[in-house]
PDB file of all heavy atoms in Angstrom:
ATOM      1  N   ASN A   1     -24.220   3.206 -52.709  1.00  0.00           N
ATOM      2  CA  ASN A   1     -24.584   1.795 -52.878  1.00  0.00           C
ATOM      3  C   ASN A   1     -25.205   1.572 -54.230  1.00  0.00           C
ATOM      4  O   ASN A   1     -25.633   0.355 -54.469  1.00  0.00           O
ATOM      5  CB  ASN A   1     -25.578   1.324 -51.740  1.00  0.00           C
ATOM      6  CG  ASN A   1     -26.810   2.171 -51.726  1.00  0.00           C
ATOM      7  OD1 ASN A   1     -27.040   3.103 -52.486  1.00  0.00           O
ATOM      8  ND2 ASN A   1     -27.655   1.848 -50.867  1.00  0.00           N
ATOM      9  N   GLY A   2     -25.140   2.522 -55.089  1.00  0.00           N
ATOM     10  CA  GLY A   2     -25.543   2.240 -56.511  1.00  0.00           C
ATOM     11  C   GLY A   2     -24.255   1.884 -57.408  1.00  0.00           C
ATOM     12  O   GLY A   2     -24.312   2.032 -58.617  1.00  0.00           O
ATOM     13  N   LEU A   3     -23.221   1.411 -56.741  1.00  0.00           N
ATOM     14  CA  LEU A   3     -21.953   1.010 -57.372  1.00  0.00           C
ATOM     15  C   LEU A   3     -21.632  -0.394 -56.999  1.00  0.00           C
ATOM     16  O   LEU A   3     -21.730  -0.762 -55.810  1.00  0.00           O
ATOM     17  CB  LEU A   3     -20.815   1.924 -57.037  1.00  0.00           C
ATOM     18  CG  LEU A   3     -19.424   1.576 -57.557  1.00  0.00           C
ATOM     19  CD1 LEU A   3     -19.254   1.808 -59.088  1.00  0.00           C
ATOM     20  CD2 LEU A   3     -18.334   2.363 -56.701  1.00  0.00           C
ATOM     21  N   VAL A   4     -21.115  -1.200 -57.927  1.00  0.00           N
ATOM     22  CA  VAL A   4     -20.651  -2.498 -57.714  1.00  0.00           C
ATOM     23  C   VAL A   4     -19.136  -2.345 -57.664  1.00  0.00           C
ATOM     24  O   VAL A   4     -18.506  -2.316 -58.762  1.00  0.00           O
ATOM     25  CB  VAL A   4     -21.095  -3.576 -58.660  1.00  0.00           C
ATOM     26  CG1 VAL A   4     -20.452  -4.933 -58.376  1.00  0.00           C
ATOM     27  CG2 VAL A   4     -22.571  -3.674 -58.583  1.00  0.00           C
ATOM     28  N   SER A   5     -18.430  -2.206 -56.560  1.00  0.00           N
ATOM     29  CA  SER A   5     -16.993  -2.086 -56.460  1.00  0.00           C
ATOM     30  C   SER A   5     -16.475  -3.342 -55.810  1.00  0.00           C
ATOM     31  O   SER A   5     -16.821  -3.786 -54.751  1.00  0.00           O
ATOM     32  CB  SER A   5     -16.753  -0.919 -55.486  1.00  0.00           C
ATOM     33  OG  SER A   5     -15.283  -0.712 -55.414  1.00  0.00           O
ATOM     34  N   THR A   6     -15.660  -4.002 -56.678  1.00  0.00           N
ATOM     35  CA  THR A   6     -15.258  -5.340 -56.206  1.00  0.00           C
ATOM     36  C   THR A   6     -13.793  -5.592 -56.595  1.00  0.00           C
ATOM     37  O   THR A   6     -13.353  -5.198 -57.586  1.00  0.00           O
ATOM     38  CB  THR A   6     -16.173  -6.417 -56.904  1.00  0.00           C
ATOM     39  OG1 THR A   6     -15.620  -7.723 -56.654  1.00  0.00           O
ATOM     40  CG2 THR A   6     -16.166  -6.227 -58.492  1.00  0.00           C
ATOM     41  N   PRO A   7     -13.141  -6.313 -55.716  1.00  0.00           N
ATOM     42  CA  PRO A   7     -11.805  -6.752 -56.057  1.00  0.00           C
ATOM     43  C   PRO A   7     -11.764  -8.166 -56.741  1.00  0.00           C
ATOM     44  O   PRO A   7     -10.799  -8.631 -57.155  1.00  0.00           O
ATOM     45  CB  PRO A   7     -11.116  -6.944 -54.707  1.00  0.00           C
ATOM     46  CG  PRO A   7     -12.259  -7.325 -53.762  1.00  0.00           C
ATOM     47  CD  PRO A   7     -13.456  -6.552 -54.290  1.00  0.00           C
ATOM     48  N   ASP A   8     -12.972  -8.652 -56.968  1.00  0.00           N
ATOM     49  CA  ASP A   8     -13.092  -9.998 -57.626  1.00  0.00           C
ATOM     50  C   ASP A   8     -12.908  -9.741 -59.121  1.00  0.00           C
ATOM     51  O   ASP A   8     -13.730  -9.249 -59.742  1.00  0.00           O
ATOM     52  CB  ASP A   8     -14.454 -10.542 -57.292  1.00  0.00           C
ATOM     53  CG  ASP A   8     -14.603 -11.983 -57.782  1.00  0.00           C
ATOM     54  OD1 ASP A   8     -13.722 -12.451 -58.633  1.00  0.00           O
ATOM     55  OD2 ASP A   8     -15.488 -12.740 -57.438  1.00  0.00           O
ATOM     56  N   THR A   9     -11.845 -10.179 -59.704  1.00  0.00           N
ATOM     57  CA  THR A   9     -11.519 -10.018 -61.052  1.00  0.00           C
ATOM     58  C   THR A   9     -11.944 -11.207 -61.855  1.00  0.00           C
ATOM     59  O   THR A   9     -11.154 -11.699 -62.723  1.00  0.00           O
ATOM     60  CB  THR A   9     -10.092  -9.631 -61.371  1.00  0.00           C
ATOM     61  OG1 THR A   9      -9.224 -10.641 -60.664  1.00  0.00           O
ATOM     62  CG2 THR A   9      -9.739  -8.246 -60.775  1.00  0.00           C
ATOM     63  N   THR A  10     -12.967 -11.880 -61.583  1.00  0.00           N
ATOM     64  CA  THR A  10     -13.573 -12.888 -62.462  1.00  0.00           C
ATOM     65  C   THR A  10     -14.886 -12.514 -63.026  1.00  0.00           C
ATOM     66  O   THR A  10     -15.722 -11.868 -62.230  1.00  0.00           O
ATOM     67  CB  THR A  10     -13.792 -14.233 -61.599  1.00  0.00           C
ATOM     68  OG1 THR A  10     -14.771 -14.064 -60.563  1.00  0.00           O
ATOM     69  CG2 THR A  10     -12.425 -14.558 -60.947  1.00  0.00           C
ATOM     70  N   ALA A  11     -15.176 -12.891 -64.167  1.00  0.00           N
ATOM     71  CA  ALA A  11     -16.398 -12.589 -64.830  1.00  0.00           C
ATOM     72  C   ALA A  11     -17.628 -13.221 -64.022  1.00  0.00           C
ATOM     73  O   ALA A  11     -18.607 -12.565 -63.901  1.00  0.00           O
ATOM     74  CB  ALA A  11     -16.520 -13.131 -66.294  1.00  0.00           C
ATOM     75  N   ALA A  12     -17.308 -14.489 -63.498  1.00  0.00           N
ATOM     76  CA  ALA A  12     -18.469 -15.153 -62.767  1.00  0.00           C
ATOM     77  C   ALA A  12     -18.769 -14.376 -61.495  1.00  0.00           C
ATOM     78  O   ALA A  12     -19.981 -14.158 -61.229  1.00  0.00           O
ATOM     79  CB  ALA A  12     -18.034 -16.567 -62.413  1.00  0.00           C
ATOM     80  N   GLY A  13     -17.848 -13.929 -60.797  1.00  0.00           N
ATOM     81  CA  GLY A  13     -18.044 -13.130 -59.596  1.00  0.00           C
ATOM     82  C   GLY A  13     -18.766 -11.778 -59.918  1.00  0.00           C
ATOM     83  O   GLY A  13     -19.609 -11.375 -59.142  1.00  0.00           O
ATOM     84  N   ILE A  14     -18.512 -11.127 -61.062  1.00  0.00           N
ATOM     85  CA  ILE A  14     -19.122  -9.949 -61.329  1.00  0.00           C
ATOM     86  C   ILE A  14     -20.589 -10.109 -61.717  1.00  0.00           C
ATOM     87  O   ILE A  14     -21.517  -9.355 -61.210  1.00  0.00           O
ATOM     88  CB  ILE A  14     -18.389  -9.219 -62.523  1.00  0.00           C
ATOM     89  CG1 ILE A  14     -17.010  -8.688 -62.058  1.00  0.00           C
ATOM     90  CG2 ILE A  14     -19.230  -8.037 -63.009  1.00  0.00           C
ATOM     91  CD1 ILE A  14     -16.088  -8.258 -63.171  1.00  0.00           C
ATOM     92  N   TYR A  15     -20.913 -11.113 -62.573  1.00  0.00           N
ATOM     93  CA  TYR A  15     -22.275 -11.224 -62.957  1.00  0.00           C
ATOM     94  C   TYR A  15     -23.131 -11.868 -61.865  1.00  0.00           C
ATOM     95  O   TYR A  15     -24.368 -11.660 -61.795  1.00  0.00           O
ATOM     96  CB  TYR A  15     -22.488 -11.950 -64.260  1.00  0.00           C
ATOM     97  CG  TYR A  15     -21.979 -13.345 -64.463  1.00  0.00           C
ATOM     98  CD1 TYR A  15     -22.354 -14.400 -63.701  1.00  0.00           C
ATOM     99  CD2 TYR A  15     -21.131 -13.635 -65.538  1.00  0.00           C
ATOM    100  CE1 TYR A  15     -21.886 -15.630 -63.885  1.00  0.00           C
ATOM    101  CE2 TYR A  15     -20.631 -14.934 -65.726  1.00  0.00           C
ATOM    102  CZ  TYR A  15     -21.073 -16.014 -64.939  1.00  0.00           C
ATOM    103  OH  TYR A  15     -20.521 -17.135 -65.083  1.00  0.00           O
ATOM    104  N   GLN A  16     -22.505 -12.471 -60.861  1.00  0.00           N
ATOM    105  CA  GLN A  16     -23.316 -12.878 -59.719  1.00  0.00           C
ATOM    106  C   GLN A  16     -23.635 -11.679 -58.818  1.00  0.00           C
ATOM    107  O   GLN A  16     -24.734 -11.572 -58.175  1.00  0.00           O
ATOM    108  CB  GLN A  16     -22.498 -13.960 -58.932  1.00  0.00           C
ATOM    109  CG  GLN A  16     -22.394 -15.248 -59.547  1.00  0.00           C
ATOM    110  CD  GLN A  16     -21.494 -16.199 -58.884  1.00  0.00           C
ATOM    111  OE1 GLN A  16     -20.840 -15.884 -57.776  1.00  0.00           O
ATOM    112  NE2 GLN A  16     -21.267 -17.438 -59.434  1.00  0.00           N
ATOM    113  N   ARG A  17     -22.743 -10.654 -58.773  1.00  0.00           N
ATOM    114  CA  ARG A  17     -23.006  -9.526 -58.077  1.00  0.00           C
ATOM    115  C   ARG A  17     -24.061  -8.555 -58.799  1.00  0.00           C
ATOM    116  O   ARG A  17     -25.002  -8.072 -58.078  1.00  0.00           O
ATOM    117  CB  ARG A  17     -21.788  -8.649 -57.888  1.00  0.00           C
ATOM    118  CG  ARG A  17     -20.841  -9.187 -56.836  1.00  0.00           C
ATOM    119  CD  ARG A  17     -21.223  -9.045 -55.412  1.00  0.00           C
ATOM    120  NE  ARG A  17     -21.530  -7.553 -55.065  1.00  0.00           N
ATOM    121  CZ  ARG A  17     -20.592  -6.688 -54.791  1.00  0.00           C
ATOM    122  NH1 ARG A  17     -19.211  -7.050 -54.733  1.00  0.00           N
ATOM    123  NH2 ARG A  17     -20.899  -5.493 -54.496  1.00  0.00           N
ATOM    124  N   VAL A  18     -23.936  -8.549 -60.088  1.00  0.00           N
ATOM    125  CA  VAL A  18     -24.810  -7.510 -60.821  1.00  0.00           C
ATOM    126  C   VAL A  18     -26.165  -8.187 -61.181  1.00  0.00           C
ATOM    127  O   VAL A  18     -27.244  -7.484 -61.095  1.00  0.00           O
ATOM    128  CB  VAL A  18     -24.105  -7.094 -62.135  1.00  0.00           C
ATOM    129  CG1 VAL A  18     -25.015  -6.196 -62.970  1.00  0.00           C
ATOM    130  CG2 VAL A  18     -22.823  -6.385 -61.823  1.00  0.00           C
ATOM    131  N   GLY A  19     -26.172  -9.461 -61.431  1.00  0.00           N
ATOM    132  CA  GLY A  19     -27.442 -10.149 -61.750  1.00  0.00           C
ATOM    133  C   GLY A  19     -28.071  -9.472 -62.975  1.00  0.00           C
ATOM    134  O   GLY A  19     -27.405  -9.265 -64.038  1.00  0.00           O
ATOM    135  N   ASN A  20     -29.351  -9.140 -62.901  1.00  0.00           N
ATOM    136  CA  ASN A  20     -30.010  -8.567 -64.014  1.00  0.00           C
ATOM    137  C   ASN A  20     -30.118  -7.020 -63.878  1.00  0.00           C
ATOM    138  O   ASN A  20     -30.989  -6.441 -64.531  1.00  0.00           O
ATOM    139  CB  ASN A  20     -31.407  -9.114 -64.063  1.00  0.00           C
ATOM    140  CG  ASN A  20     -32.162  -9.252 -62.800  1.00  0.00           C
ATOM    141  OD1 ASN A  20     -31.992  -8.443 -61.953  1.00  0.00           O
ATOM    142  ND2 ASN A  20     -32.854 -10.357 -62.528  1.00  0.00           N
ATOM    143  N   GLY A  21     -29.176  -6.511 -63.158  1.00  0.00           N
ATOM    144  CA  GLY A  21     -29.245  -5.059 -62.984  1.00  0.00           C
ATOM    145  C   GLY A  21     -28.211  -4.332 -63.966  1.00  0.00           C
ATOM    146  O   GLY A  21     -27.731  -4.929 -64.843  1.00  0.00           O
ATOM    147  N   SER A  22     -28.195  -3.037 -63.943  1.00  0.00           N
ATOM    148  CA  SER A  22     -27.371  -2.243 -64.778  1.00  0.00           C
ATOM    149  C   SER A  22     -26.467  -1.261 -63.993  1.00  0.00           C
ATOM    150  O   SER A  22     -26.005  -0.286 -64.541  1.00  0.00           O
ATOM    151  CB  SER A  22     -28.187  -1.454 -65.735  1.00  0.00           C
ATOM    152  OG  SER A  22     -28.936  -0.461 -65.085  1.00  0.00           O
ATOM    153  N   LEU A  23     -26.095  -1.641 -62.778  1.00  0.00           N
ATOM    154  CA  LEU A  23     -25.280  -0.735 -61.953  1.00  0.00           C
ATOM    155  C   LEU A  23     -23.859  -0.648 -62.522  1.00  0.00           C
ATOM    156  O   LEU A  23     -23.407  -1.707 -62.997  1.00  0.00           O
ATOM    157  CB  LEU A  23     -25.245  -1.201 -60.541  1.00  0.00           C
ATOM    158  CG  LEU A  23     -26.697  -1.136 -59.688  1.00  0.00           C
ATOM    159  CD1 LEU A  23     -26.467  -1.713 -58.326  1.00  0.00           C
ATOM    160  CD2 LEU A  23     -27.214   0.251 -59.710  1.00  0.00           C
ATOM    161  N   PRO A  24     -23.288   0.443 -62.287  1.00  0.00           N
ATOM    162  CA  PRO A  24     -21.780   0.630 -62.748  1.00  0.00           C
ATOM    163  C   PRO A  24     -20.968  -0.364 -61.981  1.00  0.00           C
ATOM    164  O   PRO A  24     -21.098  -0.647 -60.772  1.00  0.00           O
ATOM    165  CB  PRO A  24     -21.499   2.064 -62.560  1.00  0.00           C
ATOM    166  CG  PRO A  24     -22.458   2.491 -61.424  1.00  0.00           C
ATOM    167  CD  PRO A  24     -23.631   1.708 -61.610  1.00  0.00           C
ATOM    168  N   ILE A  25     -19.736  -0.704 -62.600  1.00  0.00           N
ATOM    169  CA  ILE A  25     -18.897  -1.590 -61.886  1.00  0.00           C
ATOM    170  C   ILE A  25     -17.533  -0.983 -61.882  1.00  0.00           C
ATOM    171  O   ILE A  25     -16.952  -0.582 -62.881  1.00  0.00           O
ATOM    172  CB  ILE A  25     -18.773  -2.977 -62.705  1.00  0.00           C
ATOM    173  CG1 ILE A  25     -20.231  -3.535 -62.692  1.00  0.00           C
ATOM    174  CG2 ILE A  25     -17.721  -3.905 -62.184  1.00  0.00           C
ATOM    175  CD1 ILE A  25     -20.307  -4.759 -63.640  1.00  0.00           C
ATOM    176  N   ALA A  26     -16.824  -0.973 -60.708  1.00  0.00           N
ATOM    177  CA  ALA A  26     -15.482  -0.390 -60.554  1.00  0.00           C
ATOM    178  C   ALA A  26     -14.585  -1.499 -60.189  1.00  0.00           C
ATOM    179  O   ALA A  26     -14.859  -2.114 -59.031  1.00  0.00           O
ATOM    180  CB  ALA A  26     -15.506   0.728 -59.584  1.00  0.00           C
ATOM    181  N   ILE A  27     -13.452  -1.652 -60.884  1.00  0.00           N
ATOM    182  CA  ILE A  27     -12.472  -2.663 -60.519  1.00  0.00           C
ATOM    183  C   ILE A  27     -11.071  -2.067 -60.444  1.00  0.00           C
ATOM    184  O   ILE A  27     -10.531  -1.614 -61.455  1.00  0.00           O
ATOM    185  CB  ILE A  27     -12.509  -3.842 -61.528  1.00  0.00           C
ATOM    186  CG1 ILE A  27     -13.880  -4.522 -61.710  1.00  0.00           C
ATOM    187  CG2 ILE A  27     -11.443  -4.869 -61.160  1.00  0.00           C
ATOM    188  CD1 ILE A  27     -13.955  -5.621 -62.637  1.00  0.00           C
ATOM    189  N   ASP A  28     -10.531  -2.001 -59.346  1.00  0.00           N
ATOM    190  CA  ASP A  28      -9.172  -1.447 -59.204  1.00  0.00           C
ATOM    191  C   ASP A  28      -8.161  -2.626 -59.318  1.00  0.00           C
ATOM    192  O   ASP A  28      -8.435  -3.746 -59.040  1.00  0.00           O
ATOM    193  CB  ASP A  28      -9.045  -0.832 -57.722  1.00  0.00           C
ATOM    194  CG  ASP A  28      -7.867   0.123 -57.567  1.00  0.00           C
ATOM    195  OD1 ASP A  28      -7.181   0.384 -58.622  1.00  0.00           O
ATOM    196  OD2 ASP A  28      -7.601   0.531 -56.469  1.00  0.00           O
ATOM    197  N   GLU A  29      -6.965  -2.186 -59.828  1.00  0.00           N
ATOM    198  CA  GLU A  29      -5.869  -3.089 -59.919  1.00  0.00           C
ATOM    199  C   GLU A  29      -6.133  -4.293 -60.831  1.00  0.00           C
ATOM    200  O   GLU A  29      -5.889  -5.494 -60.514  1.00  0.00           O
ATOM    201  CB  GLU A  29      -5.376  -3.528 -58.524  1.00  0.00           C
ATOM    202  CG  GLU A  29      -4.986  -2.491 -57.693  1.00  0.00           C
ATOM    203  CD  GLU A  29      -4.360  -2.961 -56.263  1.00  0.00           C
ATOM    204  OE1 GLU A  29      -4.513  -4.163 -56.104  1.00  0.00           O
ATOM    205  OE2 GLU A  29      -3.965  -2.098 -55.603  1.00  0.00           O
ATOM    206  N   LEU A  30      -6.733  -4.002 -62.012  1.00  0.00           N
ATOM    207  CA  LEU A  30      -6.894  -5.004 -63.062  1.00  0.00           C
ATOM    208  C   LEU A  30      -5.558  -5.127 -63.831  1.00  0.00           C
ATOM    209  O   LEU A  30      -5.522  -4.657 -64.931  1.00  0.00           O
ATOM    210  CB  LEU A  30      -8.055  -4.651 -63.963  1.00  0.00           C
ATOM    211  CG  LEU A  30      -8.535  -5.750 -64.937  1.00  0.00           C
ATOM    212  CD1 LEU A  30      -9.303  -6.867 -64.159  1.00  0.00           C
ATOM    213  CD2 LEU A  30      -9.292  -5.229 -66.055  1.00  0.00           C
ATOM    214  N   GLU A  31      -4.578  -5.810 -63.248  1.00  0.00           N
ATOM    215  CA  GLU A  31      -3.268  -5.818 -63.723  1.00  0.00           C
ATOM    216  C   GLU A  31      -3.006  -6.941 -64.636  1.00  0.00           C
ATOM    217  O   GLU A  31      -3.632  -7.970 -64.723  1.00  0.00           O
ATOM    218  CB  GLU A  31      -2.284  -5.949 -62.459  1.00  0.00           C
ATOM    219  CG  GLU A  31      -2.447  -4.822 -61.478  1.00  0.00           C
ATOM    220  CD  GLU A  31      -1.806  -3.464 -62.038  1.00  0.00           C
ATOM    221  OE1 GLU A  31      -1.124  -3.521 -62.960  1.00  0.00           O
ATOM    222  OE2 GLU A  31      -2.229  -2.442 -61.356  1.00  0.00           O
ATOM    223  N   ALA A  32      -2.067  -6.688 -65.555  1.00  0.00           N
ATOM    224  CA  ALA A  32      -1.532  -7.722 -66.452  1.00  0.00           C
ATOM    225  C   ALA A  32      -0.850  -8.744 -65.625  1.00  0.00           C
ATOM    226  O   ALA A  32      -0.270  -8.501 -64.647  1.00  0.00           O
ATOM    227  CB  ALA A  32      -0.656  -7.112 -67.438  1.00  0.00           C
ATOM    228  N   ALA A  33      -0.901 -10.105 -66.144  1.00  0.00           N
ATOM    229  CA  ALA A  33      -0.252 -11.133 -65.504  1.00  0.00           C
ATOM    230  C   ALA A  33       0.268 -12.108 -66.458  1.00  0.00           C
ATOM    231  O   ALA A  33       0.130 -11.937 -67.744  1.00  0.00           O
ATOM    232  CB  ALA A  33      -1.318 -11.905 -64.578  1.00  0.00           C
ATOM    233  N   ALA A  34       1.076 -13.147 -65.999  1.00  0.00           N
ATOM    234  CA  ALA A  34       1.592 -14.090 -66.927  1.00  0.00           C
ATOM    235  C   ALA A  34       0.530 -14.777 -67.653  1.00  0.00           C
ATOM    236  O   ALA A  34       0.692 -15.107 -68.916  1.00  0.00           O
ATOM    237  CB  ALA A  34       2.532 -15.014 -66.138  1.00  0.00           C
ATOM    238  N   ASP A  35      -0.551 -15.092 -67.024  1.00  0.00           N
ATOM    239  CA  ASP A  35      -1.681 -15.760 -67.602  1.00  0.00           C
ATOM    240  C   ASP A  35      -2.895 -14.741 -67.324  1.00  0.00           C
ATOM    241  O   ASP A  35      -3.421 -14.594 -66.263  1.00  0.00           O
ATOM    242  CB  ASP A  35      -1.981 -17.012 -66.785  1.00  0.00           C
ATOM    243  CG  ASP A  35      -3.233 -17.827 -67.441  1.00  0.00           C
ATOM    244  OD1 ASP A  35      -3.850 -17.254 -68.383  1.00  0.00           O
ATOM    245  OD2 ASP A  35      -3.437 -18.998 -67.178  1.00  0.00           O
ATOM    246  N   ASN A  36      -3.324 -14.247 -68.535  1.00  0.00           N
ATOM    247  CA  ASN A  36      -4.313 -13.178 -68.531  1.00  0.00           C
ATOM    248  C   ASN A  36      -5.726 -13.748 -68.871  1.00  0.00           C
ATOM    249  O   ASN A  36      -6.598 -12.913 -69.066  1.00  0.00           O
ATOM    250  CB  ASN A  36      -3.986 -12.030 -69.587  1.00  0.00           C
ATOM    251  CG  ASN A  36      -2.876 -11.214 -69.103  1.00  0.00           C
ATOM    252  OD1 ASN A  36      -2.897 -10.589 -67.928  1.00  0.00           O
ATOM    253  ND2 ASN A  36      -1.904 -11.038 -69.927  1.00  0.00           N
ATOM    254  N   ARG A  37      -5.870 -14.964 -68.740  1.00  0.00           N
ATOM    255  CA  ARG A  37      -7.321 -15.496 -69.196  1.00  0.00           C
ATOM    256  C   ARG A  37      -8.358 -14.956 -68.254  1.00  0.00           C
ATOM    257  O   ARG A  37      -9.461 -14.683 -68.791  1.00  0.00           O
ATOM    258  CB  ARG A  37      -7.232 -16.965 -69.214  1.00  0.00           C
ATOM    259  CG  ARG A  37      -6.471 -17.631 -70.339  1.00  0.00           C
ATOM    260  CD  ARG A  37      -6.449 -19.179 -70.313  1.00  0.00           C
ATOM    261  NE  ARG A  37      -5.567 -19.540 -69.261  1.00  0.00           N
ATOM    262  CZ  ARG A  37      -5.313 -20.872 -68.948  1.00  0.00           C
ATOM    263  NH1 ARG A  37      -5.873 -21.834 -69.656  1.00  0.00           N
ATOM    264  NH2 ARG A  37      -4.576 -21.244 -68.049  1.00  0.00           N
ATOM    265  N   ARG A  38      -8.122 -14.963 -66.982  1.00  0.00           N
ATOM    266  CA  ARG A  38      -9.119 -14.506 -66.050  1.00  0.00           C
ATOM    267  C   ARG A  38      -9.485 -13.104 -66.211  1.00  0.00           C
ATOM    268  O   ARG A  38     -10.674 -12.635 -66.311  1.00  0.00           O
ATOM    269  CB  ARG A  38      -8.777 -14.712 -64.609  1.00  0.00           C
ATOM    270  CG  ARG A  38      -9.850 -14.520 -63.656  1.00  0.00           C
ATOM    271  CD  ARG A  38      -9.377 -14.862 -62.245  1.00  0.00           C
ATOM    272  NE  ARG A  38      -8.400 -13.924 -61.644  1.00  0.00           N
ATOM    273  CZ  ARG A  38      -7.869 -13.972 -60.431  1.00  0.00           C
ATOM    274  NH1 ARG A  38      -8.414 -14.919 -59.625  1.00  0.00           N
ATOM    275  NH2 ARG A  38      -6.961 -13.237 -60.067  1.00  0.00           N
TER     276      ARG A  38
END
């Protein structure tokens, strides 16, 4: 539980989970898409 493992590939979703902590973040399937802005 010292890991932030999330399928949410948005920056907003990540910093809402991490907050002011420094826990590691694991994101599976960060795939290229037609629109890569997110």
